[in-house]
C-alpha atoms as a PDB file:
ATOM      1  CA  MET A   1      -1.269  -3.444  17.490  1.00  0.00           C
ATOM      2  CA  PHE A   2      -4.809  -4.809  17.169  1.00  0.00           C
ATOM      3  CA  TYR A   3      -5.908  -2.918  20.268  1.00  0.00           C
ATOM      4  CA  ASP A   4      -4.656   0.411  18.920  1.00  0.00           C
ATOM      5  CA  TYR A   5      -5.713  -0.119  15.296  1.00  0.00           C
ATOM      6  CA  GLY A   6      -9.153   1.256  16.104  1.00  0.00           C
ATOM      7  CA  SER A   7      -7.602   4.695  16.517  1.00  0.00           C
ATOM      8  CA  ASN A   8      -6.558   4.747  12.830  1.00  0.00           C
ATOM      9  CA  PRO A   9      -9.855   5.108  10.899  1.00  0.00           C
ATOM     10  CA  PRO A  10     -10.673   8.551  12.321  1.00  0.00           C
ATOM     11  CA  LEU A  11      -7.313   9.702  10.905  1.00  0.00           C
ATOM     12  CA  TYR A  12      -8.091   8.564   7.348  1.00  0.00           C
ATOM     13  CA  PRO A  13      -9.504  11.906   6.150  1.00  0.00           C
ATOM     14  CA  ALA A  14      -6.311  13.716   7.206  1.00  0.00           C
ATOM     15  CA  TRP A  15      -4.126  11.101   5.509  1.00  0.00           C
ATOM     16  CA  GLN A  16      -6.217  11.307   2.338  1.00  0.00           C
ATOM     17  CA  ALA A  17      -5.936  15.104   2.330  1.00  0.00           C
ATOM     18  CA  TYR A  18      -2.156  14.787   2.710  1.00  0.00           C
ATOM     19  CA  PHE A  19      -2.003  12.388  -0.232  1.00  0.00           C
ATOM     20  CA  ARG A  20      -4.106  14.672  -2.428  1.00  0.00           C
ATOM     21  CA  LYS A  21      -2.013  17.727  -1.540  1.00  0.00           C
ATOM     22  CA  HIS A  22       1.512  16.280  -1.600  1.00  0.00           C
ATOM     23  CA  GLN A  23       1.138  13.417  -4.097  1.00  0.00           C
ATOM     24  CA  PRO A  24       3.937  11.169  -2.816  1.00  0.00           C
ATOM     25  CA  ALA A  25       4.997   8.440  -5.214  1.00  0.00           C
ATOM     26  CA  THR A  26       3.525   5.286  -3.705  1.00  0.00           C
ATOM     27  CA  LEU A  27       4.172   1.586  -4.163  1.00  0.00           C
ATOM     28  CA  ILE A  28       1.485  -0.737  -2.819  1.00  0.00           C
ATOM     29  CA  VAL A  29       1.997  -4.489  -2.570  1.00  0.00           C
ATOM     30  CA  TRP A  30      -0.897  -6.426  -1.135  1.00  0.00           C
ATOM     31  CA  GLY A  31      -2.043  -9.996  -0.731  1.00  0.00           C
ATOM     32  CA  ASP A  32      -5.306 -10.482  -2.581  1.00  0.00           C
ATOM     33  CA  LYS A  33      -6.355 -13.095  -0.021  1.00  0.00           C
ATOM     34  CA  ASP A  34      -5.440 -11.022   3.036  1.00  0.00           C
ATOM     35  CA  GLU A  35      -8.156 -11.563   5.625  1.00  0.00           C
ATOM     36  CA  ILE A  36      -6.809  -8.896   7.999  1.00  0.00           C
ATOM     37  CA  PHE A  37      -6.609  -6.081   5.449  1.00  0.00           C
ATOM     38  CA  PRO A  38      -8.724  -7.176   2.459  1.00  0.00           C
ATOM     39  CA  ALA A  39      -7.470  -6.283  -1.014  1.00  0.00           C
ATOM     40  CA  GLU A  40     -10.396  -3.896  -1.488  1.00  0.00           C
ATOM     41  CA  GLY A  41      -8.533  -1.576   0.882  1.00  0.00           C
ATOM     42  CA  ALA A  42      -5.699  -1.131  -1.600  1.00  0.00           C
ATOM     43  CA  HIS A  43      -7.760   0.422  -4.369  1.00  0.00           C
ATOM     44  CA  PRO A  44      -8.937   3.664  -2.699  1.00  0.00           C
ATOM     45  CA  TYR A  45      -5.355   4.958  -2.741  1.00  0.00           C
ATOM     46  CA  LYS A  46      -5.723   5.292  -6.512  1.00  0.00           C
ATOM     47  CA  ARG A  47      -8.417   7.935  -5.956  1.00  0.00           C
ATOM     48  CA  ASP A  48      -6.073  10.293  -4.131  1.00  0.00           C
ATOM     49  CA  LEU A  49      -2.684   9.566  -5.689  1.00  0.00           C
ATOM     50  CA  ASN A  50      -1.558  10.230  -9.240  1.00  0.00           C
ATOM     51  CA  ASN A  51       1.704   8.265  -9.046  1.00  0.00           C
ATOM     52  CA  VAL A  52       0.625   5.001  -7.452  1.00  0.00           C
ATOM     53  CA  GLU A  53       1.769   1.533  -8.445  1.00  0.00           C
ATOM     54  CA  LEU A  54      -0.369  -1.319  -7.133  1.00  0.00           C
ATOM     55  CA  HIS A  55       0.580  -4.992  -7.173  1.00  0.00           C
ATOM     56  CA  LEU A  56      -1.772  -7.649  -5.845  1.00  0.00           C
ATOM     57  CA  TYR A  57      -0.166 -10.968  -5.004  1.00  0.00           C
ATOM     58  CA  ASP A  58      -1.794 -14.378  -4.880  1.00  0.00           C
ATOM     59  CA  THR A  59      -1.223 -14.631  -1.142  1.00  0.00           C
ATOM     60  CA  GLY A  60      -2.626 -13.683   2.231  1.00  0.00           C
ATOM     61  CA  HIS A  61      -1.419 -11.239   4.864  1.00  0.00           C
ATOM     62  CA  PHE A  62       2.232 -12.315   4.767  1.00  0.00           C
ATOM     63  CA  ALA A  63       3.078 -11.360   1.198  1.00  0.00           C
ATOM     64  CA  LEU A  64       6.690 -10.519   2.042  1.00  0.00           C
ATOM     65  CA  GLU A  65       7.323 -13.962   3.447  1.00  0.00           C
ATOM     66  CA  GLU A  66       5.834 -15.649   0.400  1.00  0.00           C
ATOM     67  CA  ASP A  67       6.881 -13.302  -2.407  1.00  0.00           C
ATOM     68  CA  GLY A  68       9.735 -11.377  -0.805  1.00  0.00           C
ATOM     69  CA  ALA A  69      12.208 -11.603  -3.678  1.00  0.00           C
ATOM     70  CA  ASP A  70       9.688 -10.320  -6.223  1.00  0.00           C
ATOM     71  CA  ILE A  71       8.468  -7.575  -3.897  1.00  0.00           C
ATOM     72  CA  ALA A  72      12.064  -6.517  -3.196  1.00  0.00           C
ATOM     73  CA  GLN A  73      12.681  -6.236  -6.943  1.00  0.00           C
ATOM     74  CA  LYS A  74       9.532  -4.138  -7.338  1.00  0.00           C
ATOM     75  CA  MET A  75      10.722  -1.898  -4.498  1.00  0.00           C
ATOM     76  CA  HIS A  76      14.158  -1.531  -6.074  1.00  0.00           C
ATOM     77  CA  THR A  77      12.701  -0.620  -9.477  1.00  0.00           C
ATOM     78  CA  PHE A  78      10.149   1.755  -7.935  1.00  0.00           C
ATOM     79  CA  LEU A  79      12.800   3.590  -5.909  1.00  0.00           C
ATOM     80  CA  LYS A  80      15.113   3.908  -8.933  1.00  0.00           C
ATOM     81  CA  GLN A  81      12.271   5.481 -10.898  1.00  0.00           C
ATOM     82  CA  ASN A  82      10.900   7.750  -8.173  1.00  0.00           C
ATOM     83  CA  VAL A  83      13.684   8.843  -5.843  1.00  0.00           C
ATOM     84  CA  LYS A  84      15.932  11.514  -7.273  1.00  0.00           C
END
């Protein structure tokens, strides 16, 4: 995964254009102490998406392992509100 991750950044403009055009409802959960993907990377999604819900957790990269029950509840609520 780390080897191939370098191929992702050149794709960002296309992904951002897709978000702006299609406006998918988006739930973002992120560890605010993540050293692999810093929390600053979560905020730019709010520029391109109108229906975005962002939750920063007091954790590192493995937010699901540390806050899984709460994240699962957020996912459940988000899907109930956004999937018809």
